Amino acid sequence: MSEVIDIRIILKKILAKKKLFFKALPIAFVMSSVLIVCVPRYYTSSLSLAPEVANSGMEGTLGSIASSFGFDISSMQTNDAISPLLYPDLMEDNGFVVGLFDVKLKSLEGNINTTLYDYYKKHQKTAWWNIPLGWLKSSIAKLTEKEDTTKRGSGNGIEPYILSKTQNDIADAIRANVGISIDKKTAVITISTKAQDPLICKTLADSVKTHLQVFITQYRTNKARIDLDYYEQLADEAKQEYEEARRKYGIYADANTNITLESFRAKQNDLENDMQLKYNTYSTLMTQYQAAKARLQERTPAFTVIKGAAMPVKADGPKRMLFVLGICFMTFIAISVYSIKDMFKLK
């Protein structure tokens, strides 16, 4: 038959250790407060963006049924190879992340005015116990790495897919502090950022939004821009040929104004016909060029900012009070278990 646990006995044993509680809890409170104060505070900001999605217009009952199961049919109908559902995966691409290295940032107090690359490299606050660990890691890295990572520079001179260890670490830090997500039902893109300064946090969110808009626009208009450049080149060549034919016709006509020989008239007609043909070609290509410009404008997506990035008023973390209360609670539980440990010894 199992023994019955008497709550009064447990409370009596715990109260017998009250001096230990009076000593340990204040120590836990002070130590946890000192530790959490050393951890740098961070801020978060977010924005919501709705891009235009090209689709074939499938609507009605099927779309409603799919939406109820969390699927957006409009995003599945797009003719683009990259669906909007894949936009969050862009943060995994080095080319996209390295494109953010040159983003200009300025702190709220104005003491930091640099690029995102240098911000993560030189202006990150850290807890005091991470300083010796960082020094140890850098010392080991200097011993193991033969090449100087600064030779590749920072910014536009970086090859995105051949990064040094320092550059790769900074790219990972950006990934850890920038998030892109998309709602499958509404196709609304949410960009969230985290930084140690509220103004930098907001600026970073706006910069990622701009960078994402540029990427989407370039991708969606890539074929249209190629077509536009092609027709522009053909139109320029046709214009030059037309102007050359017109020049030849004008020179010949001026030089043979009073000549009535049939052979001269025939050549003049040939030059005039050639000039007219080249003009017709030029006119046709200009029409196609204007149509290509219209297609480019049609393919250029429009973006609607549903919720802009606001500068956070207060820090989002760390939760100092919760941390201190948690440590004190764990200390209380540990002392309580220690006080009644003899009750669990096997007889």
Protein backbone atom coordinates (compact mmCIF):
# COMPACT_ATOMS: atom_id res chain seq x y z
CA MET A 1 0.00 0.00 0.00
CA SER A 2 1.45 3.37 -0.99
CA GLU A 3 2.26 5.92 1.64
CA VAL A 4 0.08 9.01 2.00
CA ILE A 5 1.94 12.30 1.58
CA ASP A 6 1.11 14.74 4.34
CA ILE A 7 1.11 18.33 3.09
CA ARG A 8 1.61 19.63 6.62
CA ILE A 9 4.87 17.73 6.92
CA ILE A 10 6.08 19.13 3.60
CA LEU A 11 5.24 22.69 4.64
CA LYS A 12 6.91 22.16 8.00
CA LYS A 13 10.13 20.98 6.34
CA ILE A 14 10.08 23.89 3.89
CA LEU A 15 9.52 26.43 6.69
CA ALA A 16 12.39 24.89 8.58
CA LYS A 17 14.65 26.14 5.75
CA LYS A 18 13.27 29.69 5.76
CA LYS A 19 16.68 31.16 6.53
CA LEU A 20 17.98 29.53 3.36
CA PHE A 21 15.11 31.13 1.40
CA PHE A 22 15.89 34.55 2.91
CA LYS A 23 19.51 34.19 1.81
CA ALA A 24 19.12 32.54 -1.59
CA LEU A 25 16.17 34.49 -3.05
CA PRO A 26 17.76 37.96 -2.67
CA ILE A 27 20.99 36.60 -4.14
CA ALA A 28 19.07 35.10 -7.07
CA PHE A 29 17.22 38.39 -7.55
CA VAL A 30 20.39 40.49 -7.58
CA MET A 31 22.39 38.08 -9.76
CA SER A 32 19.60 37.66 -12.33
CA SER A 33 19.07 41.43 -12.44
CA VAL A 34 22.78 42.03 -13.04
CA LEU A 35 22.87 39.41 -15.78
CA ILE A 36 19.77 40.56 -17.65
CA VAL A 37 20.78 44.23 -17.51
CA CYS A 38 23.96 43.33 -19.40
CA VAL A 39 21.96 41.83 -22.26
CA PRO A 40 21.37 44.51 -24.96
CA ARG A 41 17.79 45.50 -25.60
CA TYR A 42 16.33 45.01 -29.07
CA TYR A 43 13.40 46.49 -30.99
CA THR A 44 11.11 44.99 -33.61
CA SER A 45 9.18 46.52 -36.48
CA SER A 46 7.03 45.09 -39.26
CA LEU A 47 5.10 46.09 -42.35
CA SER A 48 2.55 44.45 -44.63
CA LEU A 49 2.73 44.62 -48.41
CA ALA A 50 0.25 43.41 -51.02
CA PRO A 51 1.82 42.84 -54.46
CA GLU A 52 -0.14 42.63 -57.67
CA VAL A 53 -0.43 39.00 -58.78
CA ALA A 54 -0.91 38.13 -62.45
CA ASN A 55 -3.45 35.34 -62.87
CA SER A 56 -5.93 34.02 -65.35
CA GLY A 57 -8.92 35.16 -63.36
CA MET A 58 -10.23 31.84 -61.95
CA GLU A 59 -12.81 32.83 -59.41
CA GLY A 60 -16.11 31.63 -57.97
CA THR A 61 -17.01 28.59 -55.92
CA LEU A 62 -13.74 26.71 -56.51
CA GLY A 63 -11.70 29.68 -55.30
CA SER A 64 -13.86 30.04 -52.20
CA ILE A 65 -13.57 26.35 -51.35
CA ALA A 66 -9.77 26.43 -51.78
CA SER A 67 -9.53 29.58 -49.66
CA SER A 68 -11.42 27.86 -46.83
CA PHE A 69 -8.68 25.22 -46.75
CA GLY A 70 -5.93 27.83 -46.67
CA PHE A 71 -4.96 27.79 -50.34
CA ASP A 72 -4.86 30.81 -52.63
CA ILE A 73 -5.75 29.71 -56.16
CA SER A 74 -4.77 33.09 -57.60
CA SER A 75 -1.16 32.53 -56.54
CA MET A 76 -1.20 29.09 -58.17
CA GLN A 77 -2.47 30.48 -61.50
CA THR A 78 0.34 32.95 -62.02
CA ASN A 79 2.36 32.54 -65.19
CA ASP A 80 5.54 33.45 -63.31
CA ALA A 81 8.04 30.72 -62.50
CA ILE A 82 8.47 32.20 -59.02
CA SER A 83 5.18 32.10 -57.14
CA PRO A 84 4.59 34.71 -54.42
CA LEU A 85 4.58 31.81 -51.97
CA LEU A 86 8.31 31.47 -52.65
CA TYR A 87 9.20 35.08 -51.80
CA PRO A 88 10.05 34.23 -48.15
CA ASP A 89 12.71 31.81 -49.46
CA LEU A 90 14.61 34.76 -50.97
CA MET A 91 16.25 35.33 -47.57
CA GLU A 92 18.05 32.02 -48.08
CA ASP A 93 19.68 33.34 -51.26
CA ASN A 94 23.07 34.99 -50.77
CA GLY A 95 22.50 37.28 -53.74
CA PHE A 96 19.37 38.78 -52.16
CA VAL A 97 20.95 39.16 -48.69
CA VAL A 98 24.25 40.58 -49.97
CA GLY A 99 22.20 43.17 -51.87
CA LEU A 100 21.24 44.56 -48.45
CA PHE A 101 24.85 45.09 -47.32
CA ASP A 102 24.98 48.65 -48.68
CA VAL A 103 21.72 49.81 -47.07
CA LYS A 104 22.35 53.13 -45.28
CA LEU A 105 21.40 53.19 -41.60
CA LYS A 106 21.33 55.93 -38.99
CA SER A 107 20.63 55.47 -35.28
CA LEU A 108 18.05 57.47 -33.37
CA GLU A 109 20.74 59.32 -31.41
CA GLY A 110 22.79 59.95 -34.55
CA ASN A 111 25.97 58.32 -33.25
CA ILE A 112 25.74 55.55 -35.88
CA ASN A 113 25.65 56.46 -39.57
CA THR A 114 26.88 53.56 -41.65
CA THR A 115 25.91 50.64 -43.88
CA LEU A 116 24.13 47.49 -42.77
CA TYR A 117 27.33 45.51 -43.31
CA ASP A 118 29.40 47.73 -41.02
CA TYR A 119 26.54 47.97 -38.53
CA TYR A 120 26.64 44.22 -37.91
CA LYS A 121 30.42 44.15 -38.08
CA LYS A 122 31.29 47.08 -35.77
CA HIS A 123 28.25 48.42 -33.95
CA GLN A 124 26.64 45.43 -32.24
CA LYS A 125 26.32 45.58 -28.45
CA THR A 126 26.83 42.33 -26.59
CA ALA A 127 26.77 41.00 -23.05
CA TRP A 128 30.07 41.26 -21.18
CA TRP A 129 30.53 37.49 -20.99
CA ASN A 130 30.44 37.30 -24.80
CA ILE A 131 33.48 39.59 -25.09
CA PRO A 132 36.08 36.97 -24.01
CA LEU A 133 34.25 34.33 -26.07
CA GLY A 134 34.34 36.59 -29.11
CA TRP A 135 38.02 37.32 -28.57
CA LEU A 136 38.72 33.58 -28.31
CA LYS A 137 36.80 32.84 -31.50
CA SER A 138 38.56 35.64 -33.41
CA SER A 139 41.94 34.41 -32.20
CA ILE A 140 41.20 30.89 -33.37
CA ALA A 141 39.92 32.25 -36.70
CA LYS A 142 43.16 34.20 -37.23
CA LEU A 143 45.16 31.05 -36.67
CA THR A 144 43.07 28.89 -38.98
CA GLU A 145 42.34 31.41 -41.75
CA LYS A 146 45.28 32.37 -43.93
CA GLU A 147 43.48 34.92 -46.09
CA ASP A 148 42.51 38.34 -44.86
CA THR A 149 38.74 38.63 -45.17
CA THR A 150 38.93 42.39 -45.77
CA LYS A 151 40.52 41.83 -49.18
CA ARG A 152 37.10 41.17 -50.67
CA GLY A 153 35.73 44.40 -49.26
CA SER A 154 32.12 45.04 -48.43
CA GLY A 155 29.19 46.15 -50.51
CA ASN A 156 29.02 45.93 -54.29
CA GLY A 157 32.49 44.40 -54.58
CA ILE A 158 31.39 41.20 -52.82
CA GLU A 159 30.79 38.06 -54.84
CA PRO A 160 27.55 36.78 -53.23
CA TYR A 161 28.32 33.12 -53.70
CA ILE A 162 32.00 33.28 -52.69
CA LEU A 163 31.83 34.81 -49.22
CA SER A 164 34.53 34.95 -46.60
CA LYS A 165 33.74 33.70 -43.09
CA THR A 166 33.14 37.24 -41.80
CA GLN A 167 30.83 38.07 -44.70
CA ASN A 168 28.97 34.78 -44.29
CA ASP A 169 28.52 35.43 -40.56
CA ILE A 170 27.07 38.87 -41.29
CA ALA A 171 24.73 37.39 -43.89
CA ASP A 172 23.54 34.85 -41.29
CA ALA A 173 23.04 37.67 -38.77
CA ILE A 174 20.83 39.52 -41.28
CA ARG A 175 18.81 36.35 -41.89
CA ALA A 176 18.33 35.95 -38.14
CA ASN A 177 17.02 39.51 -37.77
CA VAL A 178 14.95 39.87 -40.98
CA GLY A 179 11.93 37.75 -41.70
CA ILE A 180 9.67 37.57 -44.76
CA SER A 181 6.40 35.68 -44.56
CA ILE A 182 3.29 35.47 -46.73
CA ASP A 183 -0.34 34.75 -45.96
CA LYS A 184 -1.46 31.89 -48.22
CA LYS A 185 -5.08 33.10 -48.20
CA THR A 186 -4.54 36.79 -48.97
CA ALA A 187 -1.01 36.76 -50.52
CA VAL A 188 -0.10 39.63 -48.17
CA ILE A 189 3.66 39.79 -47.54
CA THR A 190 4.81 40.64 -44.02
CA ILE A 191 8.35 41.86 -43.40
CA SER A 192 9.60 41.88 -39.80
CA THR A 193 12.94 43.18 -38.56
CA LYS A 194 14.86 43.24 -35.30
CA ALA A 195 17.65 45.63 -34.31
CA GLN A 196 19.24 47.24 -31.27
CA ASP A 197 18.08 50.73 -32.29
CA PRO A 198 14.43 51.71 -33.02
CA LEU A 199 15.20 53.95 -36.01
CA ILE A 200 17.56 51.38 -37.54
CA CYS A 201 14.86 48.75 -37.03
CA LYS A 202 12.32 50.81 -38.98
CA THR A 203 14.82 51.81 -41.69
CA LEU A 204 15.82 48.19 -42.17
CA ALA A 205 12.19 47.13 -42.66
CA ASP A 206 11.64 49.85 -45.28
CA SER A 207 14.89 48.94 -47.05
CA VAL A 208 13.99 45.24 -47.22
CA LYS A 209 10.58 46.23 -48.63
CA THR A 210 12.24 48.36 -51.34
CA HIS A 211 14.75 45.61 -52.11
CA LEU A 212 11.96 43.05 -52.41
CA GLN A 213 9.90 45.36 -54.64
CA VAL A 214 12.88 45.86 -56.95
CA PHE A 215 13.46 42.11 -57.15
CA ILE A 216 9.81 41.36 -57.92
CA THR A 217 9.63 44.16 -60.50
CA GLN A 218 12.84 43.08 -62.26
CA TYR A 219 11.70 39.46 -62.33
CA ARG A 220 8.18 40.22 -63.56
CA THR A 221 9.41 42.63 -66.26
CA ASN A 222 12.53 40.77 -67.36
CA LYS A 223 11.07 39.35 -70.61
CA ALA A 224 9.32 42.65 -71.40
CA ARG A 225 12.55 44.62 -70.89
CA ILE A 226 14.45 42.25 -73.19
CA ASP A 227 11.77 42.68 -75.88
CA LEU A 228 11.84 46.46 -75.43
CA ASP A 229 15.63 46.62 -75.85
CA TYR A 230 15.39 44.38 -78.93
CA TYR A 231 12.76 46.50 -80.69
CA GLU A 232 14.58 49.69 -79.72
CA GLN A 233 17.76 48.37 -81.36
CA LEU A 234 15.87 47.35 -84.52
CA ALA A 235 14.10 50.72 -84.67
CA ASP A 236 17.40 52.60 -84.32
CA GLU A 237 18.96 50.54 -87.13
CA ALA A 238 15.90 51.06 -89.35
CA LYS A 239 15.99 54.80 -88.68
CA GLN A 240 19.64 55.00 -89.71
CA GLU A 241 18.94 53.03 -92.90
CA TYR A 242 15.98 55.27 -93.70
CA GLU A 243 17.97 58.45 -93.13
CA GLU A 244 20.77 57.09 -95.34
CA ALA A 245 18.28 56.21 -98.11
CA ARG A 246 16.67 59.64 -97.83
CA ARG A 247 20.08 61.31 -98.04
CA LYS A 248 21.00 59.36 -101.18
CA TYR A 249 17.65 60.18 -102.79
CA GLY A 250 17.97 63.87 -101.97
CA ILE A 251 21.50 64.12 -103.36
CA TYR A 252 20.56 62.30 -106.59
CA ALA A 253 17.35 64.32 -107.05
CA ASP A 254 19.14 67.65 -106.53
CA ALA A 255 21.94 66.70 -108.92
CA ASN A 256 19.56 65.62 -111.72
CA THR A 257 16.74 68.12 -111.46
CA ASN A 258 16.72 69.24 -115.12
CA ILE A 259 17.60 65.88 -116.66
CA THR A 260 14.72 64.19 -118.50
CA LEU A 261 16.45 60.97 -119.55
CA GLU A 262 14.39 57.91 -118.75
CA SER A 263 17.36 56.09 -117.19
CA PHE A 264 17.85 58.92 -114.69
CA ARG A 265 14.14 58.97 -113.87
CA ALA A 266 14.15 55.17 -113.35
CA LYS A 267 17.06 55.36 -110.93
CA GLN A 268 15.37 58.24 -109.10
CA ASN A 269 12.21 56.12 -108.77
CA ASP A 270 14.27 53.21 -107.45
CA LEU A 271 15.87 55.43 -104.82
CA GLU A 272 12.49 56.86 -103.88
CA ASN A 273 10.96 53.38 -103.57
CA ASP A 274 13.90 52.19 -101.47
CA MET A 275 13.52 55.23 -99.24
CA GLN A 276 9.77 54.55 -98.88
CA LEU A 277 10.36 50.86 -98.04
CA LYS A 278 12.88 51.75 -95.36
CA TYR A 279 10.49 54.34 -93.97
CA ASN A 280 7.70 51.75 -93.81
CA THR A 281 10.05 49.35 -92.02
CA TYR A 282 11.07 52.05 -89.57
CA SER A 283 7.43 53.02 -88.98
CA THR A 284 6.44 49.38 -88.34
CA LEU A 285 9.31 48.83 -85.90
CA MET A 286 8.47 52.05 -84.05
CA THR A 287 4.91 50.77 -83.65
CA GLN A 288 6.25 47.50 -82.23
CA TYR A 289 8.61 49.46 -79.98
CA GLN A 290 5.72 51.48 -78.57
CA ALA A 291 3.75 48.27 -78.05
CA ALA A 292 6.71 46.78 -76.18
CA LYS A 293 6.81 49.84 -73.92
CA ALA A 294 3.12 49.34 -73.21
CA ARG A 295 3.70 45.65 -72.37
CA LEU A 296 6.52 46.63 -70.02
CA GLN A 297 4.22 49.03 -68.21
CA GLU A 298 1.55 46.34 -68.07
CA ARG A 299 3.96 43.80 -66.58
CA THR A 300 5.28 46.23 -63.97
CA PRO A 301 3.53 45.20 -60.73
CA ALA A 302 1.85 47.63 -58.38
CA PHE A 303 2.37 47.38 -54.63
CA THR A 304 0.01 48.42 -51.87
CA VAL A 305 1.42 49.03 -48.41
CA ILE A 306 -1.26 47.81 -46.03
CA LYS A 307 0.69 48.56 -42.86
CA GLY A 308 3.80 50.71 -42.90
CA ALA A 309 6.84 50.12 -40.72
CA ALA A 310 6.57 52.23 -37.55
CA MET A 311 9.48 53.12 -35.33
CA PRO A 312 9.00 51.12 -32.11
CA VAL A 313 8.45 53.18 -28.98
CA LYS A 314 9.65 50.60 -26.48
CA ALA A 315 11.99 47.63 -26.62
CA ASP A 316 10.54 44.24 -27.45
CA GLY A 317 13.08 42.34 -25.39
CA PRO A 318 14.66 40.91 -23.46
CA LYS A 319 11.80 40.62 -20.94
CA ARG A 320 13.82 41.60 -17.90
CA MET A 321 11.08 41.34 -15.29
CA LEU A 322 9.96 37.94 -16.53
CA PHE A 323 13.55 36.72 -16.54
CA VAL A 324 14.15 37.84 -12.95
CA LEU A 325 10.84 36.36 -11.74
CA GLY A 326 11.61 33.12 -13.56
CA ILE A 327 15.03 32.80 -11.94
CA CYS A 328 13.58 33.56 -8.49
CA PHE A 329 10.81 31.01 -9.03
CA MET A 330 13.30 28.34 -10.11
CA THR A 331 15.41 29.14 -7.04
CA PHE A 332 12.36 28.77 -4.81
CA ILE A 333 11.50 25.40 -6.38
CA ALA A 334 15.10 24.18 -6.06
CA ILE A 335 15.28 25.07 -2.34
CA SER A 336 11.86 23.52 -1.72
CA VAL A 337 12.95 20.25 -3.35
CA TYR A 338 16.17 20.37 -1.36
CA SER A 339 14.17 20.85 1.87
CA ILE A 340 12.06 17.72 1.38
CA LYS A 341 14.63 15.54 -0.36
CA ASP A 342 14.89 13.20 2.63
CA MET A 343 11.24 12.27 2.17
CA PHE A 344 12.05 10.63 -1.17
CA LYS A 345 14.95 8.52 0.04
CA LEU A 346 14.41 4.80 -0.24
CA LYS A 347 14.06 3.09 3.05
